[in-house]
PDB file of N, CA and C in Angstrom:
ATOM      1  N   UNK A   1      58.722  -8.888  23.554  1.00  0.00           N
ATOM      2  CA  UNK A   1      58.434  -7.442  24.018  1.00  0.00           C
ATOM      3  C   UNK A   1      57.900  -7.336  25.532  1.00  0.00           C
ATOM      4  N   UNK A   2      57.082  -8.473  25.870  1.00  0.00           N
ATOM      5  CA  UNK A   2      56.493  -8.461  27.127  1.00  0.00           C
ATOM      6  C   UNK A   2      57.775  -8.804  28.194  1.00  0.00           C
ATOM      7  N   UNK A   3      58.710  -9.649  27.831  1.00  0.00           N
ATOM      8  CA  UNK A   3      59.817  -9.882  28.764  1.00  0.00           C
ATOM      9  C   UNK A   3      60.540  -8.655  28.991  1.00  0.00           C
ATOM     10  N   UNK A   4      60.870  -7.696  28.106  1.00  0.00           N
ATOM     11  CA  UNK A   4      61.478  -6.360  28.204  1.00  0.00           C
ATOM     12  C   UNK A   4      60.695  -5.662  29.202  1.00  0.00           C
ATOM     13  N   UNK A   5      59.310  -5.561  29.055  1.00  0.00           N
ATOM     14  CA  UNK A   5      58.573  -4.857  29.791  1.00  0.00           C
ATOM     15  C   UNK A   5      58.653  -5.144  31.423  1.00  0.00           C
ATOM     16  N   UNK A   6      58.541  -6.491  31.458  1.00  0.00           N
ATOM     17  CA  UNK A   6      58.540  -7.133  32.791  1.00  0.00           C
ATOM     18  C   UNK A   6      59.972  -6.865  33.524  1.00  0.00           C
ATOM     19  N   UNK A   7      61.005  -7.076  32.874  1.00  0.00           N
ATOM     20  CA  UNK A   7      62.348  -6.911  33.188  1.00  0.00           C
ATOM     21  C   UNK A   7      62.580  -5.413  33.591  1.00  0.00           C
ATOM     22  N   UNK A   8      62.140  -4.467  32.828  1.00  0.00           N
ATOM     23  CA  UNK A   8      62.229  -3.002  33.215  1.00  0.00           C
ATOM     24  C   UNK A   8      61.454  -2.549  34.414  1.00  0.00           C
ATOM     25  N   UNK A   9      60.310  -3.201  34.551  1.00  0.00           N
ATOM     26  CA  UNK A   9      59.458  -2.996  35.686  1.00  0.00           C
ATOM     27  C   UNK A   9      60.112  -3.494  36.954  1.00  0.00           C
ATOM     28  N   UNK A  10      60.679  -4.614  36.808  1.00  0.00           N
ATOM     29  CA  UNK A  10      61.418  -5.244  38.058  1.00  0.00           C
ATOM     30  C   UNK A  10      62.626  -4.486  38.241  1.00  0.00           C
ATOM     31  N   UNK A  11      63.190  -3.999  37.364  1.00  0.00           N
ATOM     32  CA  UNK A  11      64.497  -3.146  37.552  1.00  0.00           C
ATOM     33  C   UNK A  11      64.167  -1.886  38.359  1.00  0.00           C
ATOM     34  N   UNK A  12      62.983  -1.304  37.864  1.00  0.00           N
ATOM     35  CA  UNK A  12      62.599  -0.083  38.388  1.00  0.00           C
ATOM     36  C   UNK A  12      62.141  -0.308  39.927  1.00  0.00           C
ATOM     37  N   UNK A  13      61.527  -1.407  40.206  1.00  0.00           N
ATOM     38  CA  UNK A  13      61.088  -1.678  41.564  1.00  0.00           C
ATOM     39  C   UNK A  13      62.337  -1.927  42.463  1.00  0.00           C
ATOM     40  N   UNK A  14      63.348  -2.511  42.046  1.00  0.00           N
ATOM     41  CA  UNK A  14      64.622  -2.897  42.721  1.00  0.00           C
ATOM     42  C   UNK A  14      65.341  -1.567  42.879  1.00  0.00           C
ATOM     43  N   UNK A  15      65.470  -0.659  41.900  1.00  0.00           N
ATOM     44  CA  UNK A  15      66.141   0.631  42.276  1.00  0.00           C
ATOM     45  C   UNK A  15      65.471   1.432  43.160  1.00  0.00           C
ATOM     46  N   UNK A  16      64.243   1.344  43.124  1.00  0.00           N
ATOM     47  CA  UNK A  16      63.277   2.146  44.043  1.00  0.00           C
ATOM     48  C   UNK A  16      63.524   1.705  45.533  1.00  0.00           C
ATOM     49  N   UNK A  17      63.574   0.311  45.694  1.00  0.00           N
ATOM     50  CA  UNK A  17      63.842  -0.212  46.923  1.00  0.00           C
ATOM     51  C   UNK A  17      65.239   0.065  47.616  1.00  0.00           C
ATOM     52  N   UNK A  18      66.135   0.351  46.631  1.00  0.00           N
ATOM     53  CA  UNK A  18      67.556   0.760  47.058  1.00  0.00           C
ATOM     54  C   UNK A  18      67.558   2.180  47.380  1.00  0.00           C
ATOM     55  N   UNK A  19      66.660   2.952  47.035  1.00  0.00           N
ATOM     56  CA  UNK A  19      66.810   4.393  47.185  1.00  0.00           C
ATOM     57  C   UNK A  19      65.950   5.067  48.244  1.00  0.00           C
ATOM     58  N   UNK A  20      64.856   4.171  48.742  1.00  0.00           N
ATOM     59  CA  UNK A  20      63.780   5.001  49.639  1.00  0.00           C
ATOM     60  C   UNK A  20      63.539   4.105  50.780  1.00  0.00           C
ATOM     61  N   UNK A  21      63.154   4.751  51.867  1.00  0.00           N
ATOM     62  CA  UNK A  21      62.709   3.972  53.218  1.00  0.00           C
ATOM     63  C   UNK A  21      61.072   4.217  53.026  1.00  0.00           C
ATOM     64  N   UNK A  22      60.412   3.083  52.982  1.00  0.00           N
ATOM     65  CA  UNK A  22      58.901   3.386  53.106  1.00  0.00           C
ATOM     66  C   UNK A  22      58.662   2.952  54.609  1.00  0.00           C
ATOM     67  N   UNK A  23      58.194   4.094  55.221  1.00  0.00           N
ATOM     68  CA  UNK A  23      57.743   4.066  56.606  1.00  0.00           C
ATOM     69  C   UNK A  23      56.268   4.185  56.797  1.00  0.00           C
ATOM     70  N   UNK A  24      55.905   3.140  57.647  1.00  0.00           N
ATOM     71  CA  UNK A  24      54.363   3.123  58.174  1.00  0.00           C
ATOM     72  C   UNK A  24      54.257   3.682  59.451  1.00  0.00           C
ATOM     73  N   UNK A  25      53.588   4.772  59.341  1.00  0.00           N
ATOM     74  CA  UNK A  25      53.407   5.574  60.707  1.00  0.00           C
ATOM     75  C   UNK A  25      51.951   5.473  61.181  1.00  0.00           C
ATOM     76  N   UNK A  26      51.675   5.918  62.213  1.00  0.00           N
ATOM     77  CA  UNK A  26      50.172   5.887  62.676  1.00  0.00           C
ATOM     78  C   UNK A  26      49.078   6.702  61.661  1.00  0.00           C
ATOM     79  N   UNK A  27      49.799   7.755  61.017  1.00  0.00           N
ATOM     80  CA  UNK A  27      49.023   8.611  60.134  1.00  0.00           C
ATOM     81  C   UNK A  27      49.063   8.046  58.800  1.00  0.00           C
ATOM     82  N   UNK A  28      49.761   7.103  58.479  1.00  0.00           N
ATOM     83  CA  UNK A  28      49.789   6.412  57.076  1.00  0.00           C
ATOM     84  C   UNK A  28      51.212   6.392  56.572  1.00  0.00           C
ATOM     85  N   UNK A  29      51.512   5.900  55.425  1.00  0.00           N
ATOM     86  CA  UNK A  29      52.784   5.664  54.850  1.00  0.00           C
ATOM     87  C   UNK A  29      53.547   6.887  54.663  1.00  0.00           C
ATOM     88  N   UNK A  30      54.753   6.982  54.822  1.00  0.00           N
ATOM     89  CA  UNK A  30      55.714   8.139  54.545  1.00  0.00           C
ATOM     90  C   UNK A  30      56.914   7.608  53.723  1.00  0.00           C
ATOM     91  N   UNK A  31      57.411   8.446  52.879  1.00  0.00           N
ATOM     92  CA  UNK A  31      58.677   8.061  52.055  1.00  0.00           C
ATOM     93  C   UNK A  31      59.755   8.972  52.285  1.00  0.00           C
ATOM     94  N   UNK A  32      60.921   8.109  52.781  1.00  0.00           N
ATOM     95  CA  UNK A  32      62.161   9.017  53.152  1.00  0.00           C
ATOM     96  C   UNK A  32      63.339   8.532  52.211  1.00  0.00           C
ATOM     97  N   UNK A  33      63.950   9.368  51.472  1.00  0.00           N
ATOM     98  CA  UNK A  33      65.124   8.976  50.803  1.00  0.00           C
ATOM     99  C   UNK A  33      66.317   8.560  51.401  1.00  0.00           C
ATOM    100  N   UNK A  34      66.727   7.511  50.997  1.00  0.00           N
ATOM    101  CA  UNK A  34      68.027   6.896  51.754  1.00  0.00           C
ATOM    102  C   UNK A  34      69.183   7.691  51.539  1.00  0.00           C
ATOM    103  N   UNK A  35      70.201   7.529  52.686  1.00  0.00           N
ATOM    104  CA  UNK A  35      71.424   8.207  52.561  1.00  0.00           C
ATOM    105  C   UNK A  35      72.367   7.488  51.686  1.00  0.00           C
ATOM    106  N   UNK A  36      72.356   6.218  51.490  1.00  0.00           N
ATOM    107  CA  UNK A  36      73.071   5.459  50.717  1.00  0.00           C
ATOM    108  C   UNK A  36      72.305   4.138  50.016  1.00  0.00           C
ATOM    109  N   UNK A  37      72.661   3.740  49.023  1.00  0.00           N
ATOM    110  CA  UNK A  37      71.957   2.668  48.106  1.00  0.00           C
ATOM    111  C   UNK A  37      72.144   1.429  49.059  1.00  0.00           C
ATOM    112  N   UNK A  38      71.260   0.784  49.666  1.00  0.00           N
ATOM    113  CA  UNK A  38      71.255  -0.463  50.180  1.00  0.00           C
ATOM    114  C   UNK A  38      69.752  -1.101  50.410  1.00  0.00           C
ATOM    115  N   UNK A  39      69.683  -2.313  50.747  1.00  0.00           N
ATOM    116  CA  UNK A  39      68.375  -2.837  51.000  1.00  0.00           C
ATOM    117  C   UNK A  39      68.036  -2.797  52.580  1.00  0.00           C
ATOM    118  N   UNK A  40      68.896  -2.135  53.323  1.00  0.00           N
ATOM    119  CA  UNK A  40      68.511  -2.054  54.836  1.00  0.00           C
ATOM    120  C   UNK A  40      67.462  -1.085  55.025  1.00  0.00           C
ATOM    121  N   UNK A  41      66.596  -1.503  56.036  1.00  0.00           N
ATOM    122  CA  UNK A  41      65.173  -0.798  56.412  1.00  0.00           C
ATOM    123  C   UNK A  41      64.668  -0.212  55.406  1.00  0.00           C
ATOM    124  N   UNK A  42      64.330  -0.963  54.282  1.00  0.00           N
ATOM    125  CA  UNK A  42      63.369  -0.474  53.077  1.00  0.00           C
ATOM    126  C   UNK A  42      62.021  -0.413  53.548  1.00  0.00           C
ATOM    127  N   UNK A  43      61.493  -1.296  54.375  1.00  0.00           N
ATOM    128  CA  UNK A  43      60.251  -1.250  54.890  1.00  0.00           C
ATOM    129  C   UNK A  43      60.320  -1.135  56.342  1.00  0.00           C
ATOM    130  N   UNK A  44      59.739  -0.090  57.100  1.00  0.00           N
ATOM    131  CA  UNK A  44      59.785   0.127  58.487  1.00  0.00           C
ATOM    132  C   UNK A  44      58.610   0.400  59.006  1.00  0.00           C
ATOM    133  N   UNK A  45      58.095  -0.197  60.209  1.00  0.00           N
ATOM    134  CA  UNK A  45      57.113   0.028  60.958  1.00  0.00           C
ATOM    135  C   UNK A  45      57.291   1.070  62.118  1.00  0.00           C
ATOM    136  N   UNK A  46      56.699   2.136  61.925  1.00  0.00           N
ATOM    137  CA  UNK A  46      56.860   3.076  62.868  1.00  0.00           C
ATOM    138  C   UNK A  46      55.538   3.495  63.849  1.00  0.00           C
ATOM    139  N   UNK A  47      54.646   2.518  63.690  1.00  0.00           N
ATOM    140  CA  UNK A  47      53.307   2.781  64.340  1.00  0.00           C
ATOM    141  C   UNK A  47      53.446   2.203  65.804  1.00  0.00           C
ATOM    142  N   UNK A  48      52.556   2.844  66.622  1.00  0.00           N
ATOM    143  CA  UNK A  48      52.567   2.361  68.268  1.00  0.00           C
ATOM    144  C   UNK A  48      53.824   2.792  68.967  1.00  0.00           C
ATOM    145  N   UNK A  49      54.231   1.999  69.875  1.00  0.00           N
ATOM    146  CA  UNK A  49      55.219   2.535  70.840  1.00  0.00           C
ATOM    147  C   UNK A  49      56.571   1.988  70.360  1.00  0.00           C
ATOM    148  N   UNK A  50      56.990   1.697  69.125  1.00  0.00           N
ATOM    149  CA  UNK A  50      58.089   1.198  68.782  1.00  0.00           C
ATOM    150  C   UNK A  50      58.972   2.175  68.181  1.00  0.00           C
ATOM    151  N   UNK A  51      58.731   3.349  68.483  1.00  0.00           N
ATOM    152  CA  UNK A  51      59.408   4.640  67.811  1.00  0.00           C
ATOM    153  C   UNK A  51      60.855   4.783  68.372  1.00  0.00           C
ATOM    154  N   UNK A  52      61.147   4.503  69.663  1.00  0.00           N
ATOM    155  CA  UNK A  52      62.419   4.771  70.146  1.00  0.00           C
ATOM    156  C   UNK A  52      63.505   3.908  69.530  1.00  0.00           C
ATOM    157  N   UNK A  53      63.257   2.762  69.094  1.00  0.00           N
ATOM    158  CA  UNK A  53      64.230   1.874  68.399  1.00  0.00           C
ATOM    159  C   UNK A  53      64.425   2.494  66.924  1.00  0.00           C
ATOM    160  N   UNK A  54      63.567   3.284  66.399  1.00  0.00           N
ATOM    161  CA  UNK A  54      63.783   3.924  65.065  1.00  0.00           C
ATOM    162  C   UNK A  54      64.642   5.103  65.276  1.00  0.00           C
ATOM    163  N   UNK A  55      64.438   6.090  66.194  1.00  0.00           N
ATOM    164  CA  UNK A  55      64.947   7.346  66.213  1.00  0.00           C
ATOM    165  C   UNK A  55      66.547   7.040  66.757  1.00  0.00           C
ATOM    166  N   UNK A  56      66.926   5.904  67.383  1.00  0.00           N
ATOM    167  CA  UNK A  56      68.246   5.791  67.828  1.00  0.00           C
ATOM    168  C   UNK A  56      68.915   4.784  66.704  1.00  0.00           C
ATOM    169  N   UNK A  57      68.530   4.405  65.607  1.00  0.00           N
ATOM    170  CA  UNK A  57      68.960   3.576  64.482  1.00  0.00           C
ATOM    171  C   UNK A  57      69.813   4.472  63.686  1.00  0.00           C
ATOM    172  N   UNK A  58      71.253   4.173  63.585  1.00  0.00           N
ATOM    173  CA  UNK A  58      72.112   5.163  62.883  1.00  0.00           C
ATOM    174  C   UNK A  58      71.758   5.316  61.414  1.00  0.00           C
ATOM    175  N   UNK A  59      71.446   4.155  60.744  1.00  0.00           N
ATOM    176  CA  UNK A  59      71.055   4.227  59.212  1.00  0.00           C
ATOM    177  C   UNK A  59      69.818   5.054  59.034  1.00  0.00           C
ATOM    178  N   UNK A  60      68.848   5.117  59.915  1.00  0.00           N
ATOM    179  CA  UNK A  60      67.597   6.013  59.687  1.00  0.00           C
ATOM    180  C   UNK A  60      67.889   7.308  60.277  1.00  0.00           C
ATOM    181  N   UNK A  61      68.823   7.552  61.142  1.00  0.00           N
ATOM    182  CA  UNK A  61      69.166   8.936  61.601  1.00  0.00           C
ATOM    183  C   UNK A  61      69.672   9.637  60.457  1.00  0.00           C
ATOM    184  N   UNK A  62      70.691   9.020  59.709  1.00  0.00           N
ATOM    185  CA  UNK A  62      71.199   9.468  58.733  1.00  0.00           C
ATOM    186  C   UNK A  62      70.313  10.113  57.535  1.00  0.00           C
ATOM    187  N   UNK A  63      69.250   9.347  57.304  1.00  0.00           N
ATOM    188  CA  UNK A  63      68.135   9.628  56.409  1.00  0.00           C
ATOM    189  C   UNK A  63      67.294  10.592  56.926  1.00  0.00           C
ATOM    190  N   UNK A  64      67.233  10.844  58.135  1.00  0.00           N
ATOM    191  CA  UNK A  64      66.273  11.922  58.582  1.00  0.00           C
ATOM    192  C   UNK A  64      65.042  11.462  59.193  1.00  0.00           C
ATOM    193  N   UNK A  65      65.053  10.433  59.936  1.00  0.00           N
ATOM    194  CA  UNK A  65      63.731   9.896  60.326  1.00  0.00           C
ATOM    195  C   UNK A  65      63.260  10.742  61.694  1.00  0.00           C
ATOM    196  N   UNK A  66      64.164  11.489  62.452  1.00  0.00           N
ATOM    197  CA  UNK A  66      63.763  12.414  63.447  1.00  0.00           C
ATOM    198  C   UNK A  66      62.771  13.342  62.912  1.00  0.00           C
ATOM    199  N   UNK A  67      63.175  14.039  61.858  1.00  0.00           N
ATOM    200  CA  UNK A  67      62.519  15.119  61.353  1.00  0.00           C
ATOM    201  C   UNK A  67      61.116  14.550  60.796  1.00  0.00           C
ATOM    202  N   UNK A  68      61.049  13.293  60.193  1.00  0.00           N
ATOM    203  CA  UNK A  68      59.929  12.976  59.723  1.00  0.00           C
ATOM    204  C   UNK A  68      58.786  12.446  60.723  1.00  0.00           C
ATOM    205  N   UNK A  69      59.302  12.014  61.878  1.00  0.00           N
ATOM    206  CA  UNK A  69      58.459  11.558  62.969  1.00  0.00           C
ATOM    207  C   UNK A  69      58.030  12.630  63.726  1.00  0.00           C
ATOM    208  N   UNK A  70      58.230  13.790  63.608  1.00  0.00           N
ATOM    209  CA  UNK A  70      57.977  15.014  64.439  1.00  0.00           C
ATOM    210  C   UNK A  70      56.625  15.463  64.180  1.00  0.00           C
TER     211      UNK A  70
END
């Protein structure tokens, strides 16, 4: 029974990682739904002066990063 619970929890974490961008901003973490299922840019650091690279990234633009960082 424990193995099933562990496997289901792990599957949920993997499914979540495929469907959301977790973006760390100056004001704290933000969650942005992905436009397609992938492991690309699951965890993104948007704090400090590194924001230009994020708002010009095609994968994050599709997901709506510009509206999130306004």
